[in-house]
């Protein structure tokens, strides 16, 4: 299983029974370059309403959708222009937990992951804002954030998520944070940013 960043859009609609991934040639070749023959990756199909998790395999130089409707999602029809991307989903987290050998070459007990700092200060509209979430525990870690306001750009490091942006209007903005490591535990939190 190869887990690397990837994003593209569908060049034509994809019915719920389709097992061919309709990408343009450049995006198809970019994904094939990440996947050796016989390897697969998890991707997410997303339109304005629905998401679906899929597994895509490099089958002798062709992209084959090996499985649809993973992680309790339902196979659906996605219109042309829908997003196709790698995302840290529960399916990916479960794969990492079940397949990561934390003790290769020695005996160790991984330290469970935890959020050691959630710094989301209040801010003002039209003024640059930044915050950070710092995690503790054994590395490597898989970290993500969801429901991120459009004005925030998250940057994921080895044990932190940096959040930066300039809010354009006052309000209360909620976002979710998640992380996992070889301990098998998943830590989640919800943070609120108040902009005046």
Protein backbone atom coordinates (compact mmCIF):
# COMPACT_ATOMS: atom_id res chain seq x y z
CA UNK A 1 0.00 0.00 0.00
CA UNK A 2 1.41 3.37 -1.04
CA UNK A 3 0.13 6.41 0.90
CA UNK A 4 1.24 9.63 -0.80
CA UNK A 5 -0.40 13.00 -1.49
CA UNK A 6 -2.45 13.10 -4.68
CA UNK A 7 -5.28 15.28 -5.98
CA UNK A 8 -7.03 15.58 -9.33
CA UNK A 9 -10.52 15.91 -10.81
CA UNK A 10 -12.67 13.49 -12.78
CA UNK A 11 -12.68 14.28 -16.52
CA UNK A 12 -16.04 12.52 -16.97
CA UNK A 13 -18.73 11.18 -14.67
CA UNK A 14 -18.11 7.95 -12.77
CA UNK A 15 -21.11 5.68 -12.18
CA UNK A 16 -21.37 3.70 -8.96
CA UNK A 17 -20.64 0.50 -10.91
CA UNK A 18 -17.54 1.90 -12.69
CA UNK A 19 -14.12 0.52 -11.86
CA UNK A 20 -12.12 2.74 -14.22
CA UNK A 21 -10.88 6.03 -12.76
CA UNK A 22 -11.54 8.78 -15.37
CA UNK A 23 -8.49 11.05 -15.03
CA UNK A 24 -6.75 13.14 -17.65
CA UNK A 25 -3.52 11.66 -19.03
CA UNK A 26 -1.22 13.87 -16.93
CA UNK A 27 -2.99 13.00 -13.63
CA UNK A 28 -3.20 9.31 -14.60
CA UNK A 29 0.55 9.19 -15.29
CA UNK A 30 1.32 11.09 -12.07
CA UNK A 31 -0.65 8.53 -10.02
CA UNK A 32 0.90 5.58 -11.90
CA UNK A 33 4.38 7.03 -11.16
CA UNK A 34 3.58 6.82 -7.42
CA UNK A 35 2.26 3.24 -7.62
CA UNK A 36 4.58 0.40 -8.64
CA UNK A 37 2.81 -2.38 -10.58
CA UNK A 38 0.68 -4.43 -8.19
CA UNK A 39 0.58 -1.72 -5.50
CA UNK A 40 -2.51 0.21 -4.47
CA UNK A 41 -3.54 3.34 -2.61
CA UNK A 42 -6.64 4.70 -0.91
CA UNK A 43 -8.30 7.74 -2.49
CA UNK A 44 -11.44 9.76 -1.81
CA UNK A 45 -14.02 10.82 -4.41
CA UNK A 46 -15.75 14.05 -3.38
CA UNK A 47 -18.43 16.29 -4.87
CA UNK A 48 -20.47 19.07 -3.23
CA UNK A 49 -22.59 16.58 -1.26
CA UNK A 50 -21.01 13.13 -1.00
CA UNK A 51 -17.70 11.41 -0.42
CA UNK A 52 -16.68 7.86 -1.18
CA UNK A 53 -13.49 6.03 -0.24
CA UNK A 54 -11.94 3.80 -2.89
CA UNK A 55 -8.84 1.64 -3.34
CA UNK A 56 -6.99 2.09 -6.64
CA UNK A 57 -4.37 -0.37 -7.96
CA UNK A 58 -1.72 -0.19 -10.67
CA UNK A 59 -2.77 -3.28 -12.65
CA UNK A 60 0.05 -3.72 -15.17
CA UNK A 61 0.18 -0.02 -16.04
CA UNK A 62 -3.57 0.62 -15.87
CA UNK A 63 -5.43 2.20 -12.97
CA UNK A 64 -8.09 -0.17 -11.64
CA UNK A 65 -10.54 0.75 -8.87
CA UNK A 66 -10.06 -2.37 -6.76
CA UNK A 67 -12.71 -1.56 -4.13
CA UNK A 68 -15.48 1.02 -3.73
CA UNK A 69 -17.50 2.17 -0.75
CA UNK A 70 -14.76 1.67 1.85
CA UNK A 71 -14.95 3.02 5.39
CA UNK A 72 -18.74 2.96 5.60
CA UNK A 73 -19.11 5.14 2.50
CA UNK A 74 -21.51 4.12 -0.24
CA UNK A 75 -20.66 3.69 -3.94
CA UNK A 76 -22.27 6.60 -5.76
CA UNK A 77 -22.26 8.32 -9.13
CA UNK A 78 -19.86 11.28 -9.17
CA UNK A 79 -20.16 14.00 -11.83
CA UNK A 80 -17.41 15.31 -14.05
CA UNK A 81 -15.27 17.77 -12.07
CA UNK A 82 -15.54 15.85 -8.77
CA UNK A 83 -12.37 15.79 -6.69
CA UNK A 84 -10.17 12.71 -6.38
CA UNK A 85 -7.59 12.94 -3.59
CA UNK A 86 -5.63 11.16 -0.91
CA UNK A 87 -6.97 12.00 2.55
CA UNK A 88 -6.27 10.73 6.04
CA UNK A 89 -9.51 8.77 6.47
CA UNK A 90 -10.46 6.18 9.07
CA UNK A 91 -9.69 3.48 6.46
CA UNK A 92 -6.12 4.82 6.13
CA UNK A 93 -5.71 5.09 9.91
CA UNK A 94 -6.88 1.49 10.37
CA UNK A 95 -4.47 0.33 7.65
CA UNK A 96 -1.57 2.14 9.34
CA UNK A 97 -2.43 0.73 12.75
CA UNK A 98 -2.76 -2.83 11.49
CA UNK A 99 0.31 -2.81 9.23
CA UNK A 100 2.92 -0.59 10.87
CA UNK A 101 5.80 -2.48 12.49
CA UNK A 102 6.86 -0.08 15.21
CA UNK A 103 9.47 -2.42 16.62
CA UNK A 104 11.40 -3.44 13.52
CA UNK A 105 14.93 -4.26 14.62
CA UNK A 106 14.25 -4.18 18.35
CA UNK A 107 11.70 -4.41 21.07
CA UNK A 108 9.82 -1.28 21.93
CA UNK A 109 6.48 -0.21 23.21
CA UNK A 110 5.19 2.83 21.31
CA UNK A 111 4.15 5.80 23.40
CA UNK A 112 0.46 6.60 22.80
CA UNK A 113 -0.26 9.76 20.84
CA UNK A 114 -1.71 12.77 22.64
CA UNK A 115 -2.40 16.42 21.95
CA UNK A 116 -0.03 18.37 24.17
CA UNK A 117 -0.95 21.85 22.95
CA UNK A 118 -3.98 23.20 21.10
CA UNK A 119 -3.25 26.88 20.52
CA UNK A 120 -6.12 28.58 18.66
CA UNK A 121 -6.08 32.25 19.75
CA UNK A 122 -8.87 34.73 19.13
CA UNK A 123 -8.30 37.06 16.19
CA UNK A 124 -9.63 39.99 14.20
CA UNK A 125 -11.10 40.11 10.71
CA UNK A 126 -8.64 41.16 7.98
CA UNK A 127 -5.64 40.57 10.29
CA UNK A 128 -3.23 37.66 9.78
CA UNK A 129 -3.90 34.81 12.23
CA UNK A 130 -1.93 31.69 13.20
CA UNK A 131 -2.34 28.75 15.53
CA UNK A 132 -0.74 25.38 16.15
CA UNK A 133 -1.59 21.89 17.42
CA UNK A 134 1.35 19.94 18.89
CA UNK A 135 1.23 16.18 19.44
CA UNK A 136 3.30 13.98 21.75
CA UNK A 137 4.02 10.26 21.51
CA UNK A 138 6.02 7.89 19.35
CA UNK A 139 6.77 8.85 15.78
CA UNK A 140 5.93 8.49 12.96
CA UNK A 141 2.52 10.08 13.31
CA UNK A 142 -0.32 10.59 10.85
CA UNK A 143 -2.01 13.94 11.53
CA UNK A 144 -4.96 15.70 9.92
CA UNK A 145 -7.53 18.42 10.42
CA UNK A 146 -11.04 18.71 9.06
CA UNK A 147 -13.77 21.34 8.72
CA UNK A 148 -10.98 23.86 8.18
CA UNK A 149 -12.33 27.35 7.37
CA UNK A 150 -11.51 28.40 3.81
CA UNK A 151 -9.22 31.21 5.01
CA UNK A 152 -6.91 28.82 6.91
CA UNK A 153 -4.02 26.93 5.29
CA UNK A 154 -2.89 23.94 7.39
CA UNK A 155 0.73 22.71 7.24
CA UNK A 156 1.42 19.27 8.71
CA UNK A 157 4.85 18.60 10.24
CA UNK A 158 6.24 15.48 11.92
CA UNK A 159 4.41 16.16 15.22
CA UNK A 160 2.41 19.34 14.64
CA UNK A 161 -0.20 21.03 12.49
CA UNK A 162 0.42 24.74 11.84
CA UNK A 163 -2.63 26.81 10.89
CA UNK A 164 -2.31 30.21 9.18
CA UNK A 165 -4.49 32.62 7.30
CA UNK A 166 -6.34 35.91 7.24
CA UNK A 167 -10.01 35.79 8.24
CA UNK A 168 -12.24 37.99 6.11
CA UNK A 169 -15.23 38.19 8.43
CA UNK A 170 -16.03 37.89 12.14
CA UNK A 171 -17.45 34.64 13.46
CA UNK A 172 -16.90 31.47 15.40
CA UNK A 173 -15.07 28.79 13.40
CA UNK A 174 -14.86 25.14 14.47
CA UNK A 175 -12.32 22.65 13.18
CA UNK A 176 -11.49 19.05 14.05
CA UNK A 177 -8.04 17.61 14.71
CA UNK A 178 -7.02 13.93 14.54
CA UNK A 179 -3.83 11.95 14.89
CA UNK A 180 -2.62 8.39 15.22
CA UNK A 181 0.65 6.53 15.63
CA UNK A 182 1.90 2.98 16.06
CA UNK A 183 0.35 2.75 19.54
CA UNK A 184 -2.95 2.01 17.81
CA UNK A 185 -4.72 4.89 19.50
CA UNK A 186 -6.45 7.72 17.69
CA UNK A 187 -6.67 11.11 19.37
CA UNK A 188 -9.25 13.67 18.28
CA UNK A 189 -10.25 17.14 19.38
CA UNK A 190 -12.48 19.98 18.24
CA UNK A 191 -11.22 23.55 18.47
CA UNK A 192 -13.00 26.88 18.14
CA UNK A 193 -11.51 30.06 16.74
CA UNK A 194 -13.27 33.32 17.59
CA UNK A 195 -12.77 36.18 15.12
CA UNK A 196 -14.02 39.64 16.05
